[in-house]
C-alpha cells in the first residue's frame, strides 16, 4: 500500500461557532494521510487532494470541526474511491493562547 502524506496545508477559512469566528477567516492547518493500492491507471493526485480540501473548507464555512471532517471524508472518497485508509486532522492554531486545537478522523475502508 502507498500512502500520501500532506502536512501543513494551511489557509484561512471561516470555521467555528463563536461570533468572531463567523465574521473573519482564521488560519486552518490540515494534516492528511491517504493509503491506497497503486496501479498506473489508479493513483491519487496529491495536488488535487490539497485543492479539494482547501476549496471545500473555504466554500462551506463550517460551524464544527466534526462537520468539516465528515464532509471532507465524503469529498475525498467520491473523488478517489480507491482510498483504503484515511487520517484527516484539522487544526486551528490561533484559537487558544497556549495551545493548538485539533480534531481528527481515522478510518480504514
N, C-alpha and C. Protein backbone atom coordinates (compact mmCIF):
# COMPACT_ATOMS: atom_id res chain seq x y z
N UNK A 1 0.85 -1.18 0.00
CA UNK A 1 0.00 0.00 0.00
C UNK A 1 0.89 1.24 0.00
N UNK A 2 0.51 2.21 -0.81
CA UNK A 2 1.17 3.50 -0.83
C UNK A 2 0.41 4.45 0.09
N UNK A 3 1.11 5.43 0.62
CA UNK A 3 0.48 6.39 1.50
C UNK A 3 0.91 7.81 1.12
N UNK A 4 -0.05 8.63 0.76
CA UNK A 4 0.20 10.05 0.54
C UNK A 4 0.12 10.73 1.90
N UNK A 5 1.08 11.59 2.18
CA UNK A 5 1.07 12.36 3.42
C UNK A 5 1.13 13.84 3.06
N UNK A 6 0.12 14.56 3.47
CA UNK A 6 0.06 16.00 3.26
C UNK A 6 0.19 16.65 4.63
N UNK A 7 1.24 17.45 4.78
CA UNK A 7 1.50 18.10 6.06
C UNK A 7 1.45 19.62 5.89
N UNK A 8 0.95 20.28 6.91
CA UNK A 8 1.00 21.73 6.99
C UNK A 8 0.31 22.43 5.81
N UNK A 9 -0.77 21.86 5.34
CA UNK A 9 -1.59 22.56 4.34
C UNK A 9 -2.35 23.64 5.10
N UNK A 10 -1.99 24.89 4.87
CA UNK A 10 -2.60 25.96 5.65
C UNK A 10 -3.20 27.03 4.75
N UNK A 11 -4.29 27.57 5.24
CA UNK A 11 -5.04 28.61 4.55
C UNK A 11 -6.02 29.21 5.55
N UNK A 12 -6.70 30.26 5.17
CA UNK A 12 -7.70 30.89 6.03
C UNK A 12 -9.10 30.44 5.60
N UNK A 13 -9.95 30.21 6.61
CA UNK A 13 -11.32 29.79 6.36
C UNK A 13 -12.21 30.22 7.52
N UNK A 14 -13.48 30.32 7.24
CA UNK A 14 -14.47 30.57 8.29
C UNK A 14 -14.85 29.21 8.87
N UNK A 15 -14.55 29.01 10.15
CA UNK A 15 -14.93 27.78 10.83
C UNK A 15 -15.02 28.05 12.33
N UNK A 16 -16.12 27.64 12.91
CA UNK A 16 -16.30 27.82 14.34
C UNK A 16 -17.70 28.32 14.66
N UNK A 17 -18.02 28.28 15.96
CA UNK A 17 -19.35 28.67 16.40
C UNK A 17 -19.37 30.03 17.11
N UNK A 18 -18.21 30.54 17.47
CA UNK A 18 -18.15 31.83 18.16
C UNK A 18 -18.40 32.96 17.17
N UNK A 19 -18.96 34.06 17.66
CA UNK A 19 -19.31 35.18 16.79
C UNK A 19 -18.13 35.66 15.95
N UNK A 20 -16.97 35.84 16.58
CA UNK A 20 -15.83 36.36 15.82
C UNK A 20 -15.33 35.34 14.78
N UNK A 21 -15.55 34.05 15.02
CA UNK A 21 -15.13 33.02 14.06
C UNK A 21 -16.02 33.02 12.81
N UNK A 22 -17.23 33.50 12.93
CA UNK A 22 -18.16 33.55 11.81
C UNK A 22 -17.94 34.77 10.92
N UNK A 23 -17.20 35.77 11.47
CA UNK A 23 -17.00 37.03 10.74
C UNK A 23 -15.69 37.07 9.97
N UNK A 24 -14.62 36.60 10.60
CA UNK A 24 -13.30 36.70 9.99
C UNK A 24 -12.70 35.32 9.77
N UNK A 25 -12.15 35.07 8.60
CA UNK A 25 -11.45 33.80 8.38
C UNK A 25 -10.27 33.67 9.34
N UNK A 26 -10.02 32.47 9.79
CA UNK A 26 -8.88 32.20 10.66
C UNK A 26 -8.00 31.14 10.03
N UNK A 27 -6.78 31.06 10.49
CA UNK A 27 -5.83 30.09 9.96
C UNK A 27 -6.29 28.68 10.33
N UNK A 28 -6.26 27.82 9.33
CA UNK A 28 -6.58 26.40 9.48
C UNK A 28 -5.40 25.62 8.92
N UNK A 29 -5.04 24.53 9.61
CA UNK A 29 -3.94 23.68 9.14
C UNK A 29 -4.48 22.26 9.03
N UNK A 30 -4.22 21.63 7.88
CA UNK A 30 -4.69 20.27 7.65
C UNK A 30 -3.51 19.32 7.51
N UNK A 31 -3.66 18.17 8.17
CA UNK A 31 -2.74 17.05 8.02
C UNK A 31 -3.59 15.90 7.48
N UNK A 32 -3.07 15.21 6.46
CA UNK A 32 -3.85 14.16 5.81
C UNK A 32 -2.95 13.00 5.41
N UNK A 33 -3.39 11.79 5.71
CA UNK A 33 -2.75 10.58 5.21
C UNK A 33 -3.78 9.78 4.44
N UNK A 34 -3.41 9.36 3.24
CA UNK A 34 -4.31 8.56 2.40
C UNK A 34 -3.55 7.31 1.95
N UNK A 35 -4.07 6.16 2.34
CA UNK A 35 -3.48 4.90 1.90
C UNK A 35 -4.29 4.33 0.75
N UNK A 36 -3.58 3.81 -0.26
CA UNK A 36 -4.25 3.25 -1.43
C UNK A 36 -3.32 2.27 -2.13
N UNK A 37 -3.92 1.41 -2.95
CA UNK A 37 -3.14 0.48 -3.77
C UNK A 37 -2.95 1.09 -5.14
N UNK A 38 -1.73 1.14 -5.57
CA UNK A 38 -1.35 1.85 -6.79
C UNK A 38 -1.37 0.95 -8.01
N UNK A 39 -1.93 1.47 -9.09
CA UNK A 39 -1.72 0.96 -10.44
C UNK A 39 -1.54 2.20 -11.32
N UNK A 40 -1.02 2.03 -12.49
CA UNK A 40 -0.76 3.19 -13.37
C UNK A 40 -2.03 3.98 -13.68
N UNK A 41 -3.17 3.30 -13.71
CA UNK A 41 -4.43 3.97 -14.01
C UNK A 41 -5.21 4.34 -12.76
N UNK A 42 -4.66 4.05 -11.59
CA UNK A 42 -5.41 4.19 -10.36
C UNK A 42 -4.51 4.80 -9.27
N UNK A 43 -4.21 6.09 -9.44
CA UNK A 43 -3.37 6.77 -8.44
C UNK A 43 -4.13 7.96 -7.88
N UNK A 44 -3.64 8.50 -6.77
CA UNK A 44 -4.27 9.65 -6.14
C UNK A 44 -3.35 10.85 -6.31
N UNK A 45 -3.89 11.90 -6.86
CA UNK A 45 -3.15 13.13 -7.15
C UNK A 45 -3.09 13.98 -5.87
N UNK A 46 -1.91 14.14 -5.29
CA UNK A 46 -1.81 14.89 -4.04
C UNK A 46 -2.08 16.38 -4.22
N UNK A 47 -1.74 16.95 -5.39
CA UNK A 47 -2.03 18.37 -5.63
C UNK A 47 -3.54 18.60 -5.71
N UNK A 48 -4.25 17.71 -6.40
CA UNK A 48 -5.70 17.81 -6.48
C UNK A 48 -6.33 17.61 -5.10
N UNK A 49 -5.77 16.71 -4.32
CA UNK A 49 -6.26 16.48 -2.96
C UNK A 49 -6.18 17.77 -2.15
N UNK A 50 -5.06 18.46 -2.22
CA UNK A 50 -4.90 19.74 -1.50
C UNK A 50 -5.93 20.76 -1.96
N UNK A 51 -6.13 20.86 -3.26
CA UNK A 51 -7.11 21.81 -3.80
C UNK A 51 -8.52 21.49 -3.32
N UNK A 52 -8.87 20.20 -3.30
CA UNK A 52 -10.20 19.79 -2.84
C UNK A 52 -10.41 20.13 -1.37
N UNK A 53 -9.41 19.85 -0.55
CA UNK A 53 -9.52 20.13 0.88
C UNK A 53 -9.71 21.63 1.12
N UNK A 54 -8.88 22.43 0.50
CA UNK A 54 -8.94 23.88 0.68
C UNK A 54 -10.26 24.45 0.16
N UNK A 55 -10.63 24.08 -1.06
CA UNK A 55 -11.86 24.62 -1.66
C UNK A 55 -13.09 24.25 -0.83
N UNK A 56 -13.16 23.02 -0.38
CA UNK A 56 -14.31 22.58 0.41
C UNK A 56 -14.39 23.36 1.72
N UNK A 57 -13.27 23.49 2.41
CA UNK A 57 -13.27 24.22 3.68
C UNK A 57 -13.66 25.69 3.49
N UNK A 58 -13.14 26.32 2.47
CA UNK A 58 -13.41 27.73 2.27
C UNK A 58 -14.82 27.99 1.75
N UNK A 59 -15.38 27.06 1.02
CA UNK A 59 -16.72 27.23 0.46
C UNK A 59 -17.81 26.97 1.50
N UNK A 60 -17.64 25.95 2.31
CA UNK A 60 -18.71 25.51 3.20
C UNK A 60 -18.85 26.31 4.49
N UNK A 61 -17.78 26.91 4.98
CA UNK A 61 -17.83 27.74 6.20
C UNK A 61 -18.49 26.99 7.36
N UNK A 62 -17.87 25.91 7.80
CA UNK A 62 -18.40 25.01 8.81
C UNK A 62 -18.51 25.64 10.18
N UNK A 63 -19.48 25.18 10.94
CA UNK A 63 -19.60 25.57 12.34
C UNK A 63 -18.66 24.71 13.20
N UNK A 64 -18.68 23.41 12.99
CA UNK A 64 -17.91 22.49 13.82
C UNK A 64 -16.83 21.77 13.02
N UNK A 65 -15.72 21.49 13.67
CA UNK A 65 -14.65 20.70 13.05
C UNK A 65 -15.17 19.31 12.68
N UNK A 66 -16.04 18.76 13.51
CA UNK A 66 -16.59 17.44 13.24
C UNK A 66 -17.32 17.41 11.89
N UNK A 67 -18.13 18.44 11.64
CA UNK A 67 -18.86 18.52 10.37
C UNK A 67 -17.90 18.65 9.19
N UNK A 68 -16.86 19.44 9.37
CA UNK A 68 -15.86 19.60 8.31
C UNK A 68 -15.17 18.28 8.00
N UNK A 69 -14.79 17.54 9.03
CA UNK A 69 -14.10 16.26 8.81
C UNK A 69 -14.99 15.26 8.08
N UNK A 70 -16.25 15.16 8.49
CA UNK A 70 -17.18 14.22 7.84
C UNK A 70 -17.36 14.60 6.37
N UNK A 71 -17.51 15.88 6.10
CA UNK A 71 -17.72 16.35 4.74
C UNK A 71 -16.46 16.15 3.89
N UNK A 72 -15.30 16.47 4.44
CA UNK A 72 -14.05 16.26 3.69
C UNK A 72 -13.83 14.79 3.37
N UNK A 73 -14.17 13.92 4.31
CA UNK A 73 -14.08 12.48 4.07
C UNK A 73 -14.94 12.09 2.87
N UNK A 74 -16.18 12.57 2.82
CA UNK A 74 -17.08 12.26 1.70
C UNK A 74 -16.52 12.76 0.37
N UNK A 75 -16.02 13.99 0.38
CA UNK A 75 -15.46 14.59 -0.84
C UNK A 75 -14.29 13.75 -1.36
N UNK A 76 -13.40 13.37 -0.47
CA UNK A 76 -12.23 12.58 -0.89
C UNK A 76 -12.62 11.20 -1.39
N UNK A 77 -13.56 10.55 -0.71
CA UNK A 77 -13.99 9.21 -1.13
C UNK A 77 -14.74 9.24 -2.46
N UNK A 78 -15.48 10.31 -2.73
CA UNK A 78 -16.16 10.43 -4.01
C UNK A 78 -15.16 10.62 -5.15
N UNK A 79 -14.15 11.43 -4.90
CA UNK A 79 -13.16 11.72 -5.94
C UNK A 79 -12.19 10.55 -6.13
N UNK A 80 -11.83 9.90 -5.04
CA UNK A 80 -10.85 8.81 -5.07
C UNK A 80 -11.42 7.57 -4.39
N UNK A 81 -12.25 6.81 -5.09
CA UNK A 81 -12.89 5.64 -4.45
C UNK A 81 -11.91 4.52 -4.09
N UNK A 82 -10.67 4.62 -4.53
CA UNK A 82 -9.68 3.59 -4.21
C UNK A 82 -8.98 3.84 -2.87
N UNK A 83 -9.43 4.83 -2.10
CA UNK A 83 -8.86 5.08 -0.78
C UNK A 83 -9.15 3.88 0.12
N UNK A 84 -8.13 3.40 0.80
CA UNK A 84 -8.27 2.27 1.72
C UNK A 84 -8.06 2.70 3.17
N UNK A 85 -7.38 3.82 3.37
CA UNK A 85 -7.09 4.32 4.71
C UNK A 85 -7.11 5.84 4.65
N UNK A 86 -7.70 6.47 5.66
CA UNK A 86 -7.74 7.92 5.69
C UNK A 86 -7.54 8.41 7.12
N UNK A 87 -6.59 9.29 7.28
CA UNK A 87 -6.40 10.03 8.53
C UNK A 87 -6.43 11.50 8.15
N UNK A 88 -7.33 12.21 8.76
CA UNK A 88 -7.52 13.62 8.43
C UNK A 88 -7.60 14.40 9.73
N UNK A 89 -6.76 15.44 9.85
CA UNK A 89 -6.72 16.27 11.06
C UNK A 89 -6.81 17.73 10.66
N UNK A 90 -7.69 18.46 11.35
CA UNK A 90 -7.82 19.90 11.15
C UNK A 90 -7.41 20.58 12.44
N UNK A 91 -6.52 21.56 12.32
CA UNK A 91 -6.06 22.32 13.48
C UNK A 91 -6.41 23.78 13.31
N UNK A 92 -6.71 24.41 14.43
CA UNK A 92 -6.92 25.85 14.48
C UNK A 92 -5.82 26.40 15.41
N UNK A 93 -4.67 26.75 14.85
CA UNK A 93 -3.50 27.07 15.68
C UNK A 93 -3.61 28.36 16.47
N UNK A 94 -4.51 29.25 16.11
CA UNK A 94 -4.56 30.54 16.78
C UNK A 94 -5.79 30.74 17.66
N UNK A 95 -6.59 29.69 17.87
CA UNK A 95 -7.84 29.86 18.60
C UNK A 95 -7.62 29.92 20.12
N UNK A 96 -6.58 29.26 20.62
CA UNK A 96 -6.26 29.29 22.05
C UNK A 96 -4.91 29.97 22.26
N UNK A 97 -4.73 30.62 23.39
CA UNK A 97 -3.47 31.33 23.64
C UNK A 97 -2.29 30.38 23.83
N UNK A 98 -2.49 29.28 24.54
CA UNK A 98 -1.38 28.42 24.92
C UNK A 98 -1.41 27.04 24.29
N UNK A 99 -2.25 26.86 23.28
CA UNK A 99 -2.36 25.53 22.69
C UNK A 99 -2.94 25.64 21.28
N UNK A 100 -2.76 24.57 20.53
CA UNK A 100 -3.35 24.45 19.21
C UNK A 100 -4.50 23.46 19.32
N UNK A 101 -5.69 23.84 18.93
CA UNK A 101 -6.84 22.96 18.99
C UNK A 101 -6.94 22.17 17.68
N UNK A 102 -7.13 20.85 17.80
CA UNK A 102 -7.21 19.98 16.63
C UNK A 102 -8.27 18.92 16.84
N UNK A 103 -8.74 18.39 15.73
CA UNK A 103 -9.66 17.26 15.76
C UNK A 103 -9.31 16.37 14.57
N UNK A 104 -9.40 15.06 14.75
CA UNK A 104 -9.01 14.14 13.69
C UNK A 104 -10.05 13.04 13.50
N UNK A 105 -10.03 12.47 12.30
CA UNK A 105 -10.82 11.29 11.99
C UNK A 105 -9.88 10.30 11.31
N UNK A 106 -10.03 9.02 11.66
CA UNK A 106 -9.18 7.99 11.08
C UNK A 106 -10.04 6.77 10.77
N UNK A 107 -9.96 6.29 9.51
CA UNK A 107 -10.78 5.15 9.11
C UNK A 107 -10.05 4.26 8.12
N UNK A 108 -10.38 2.99 8.18
CA UNK A 108 -9.96 2.02 7.16
C UNK A 108 -11.19 1.66 6.35
N UNK A 109 -11.00 1.47 5.03
CA UNK A 109 -12.12 1.14 4.15
C UNK A 109 -11.87 -0.19 3.47
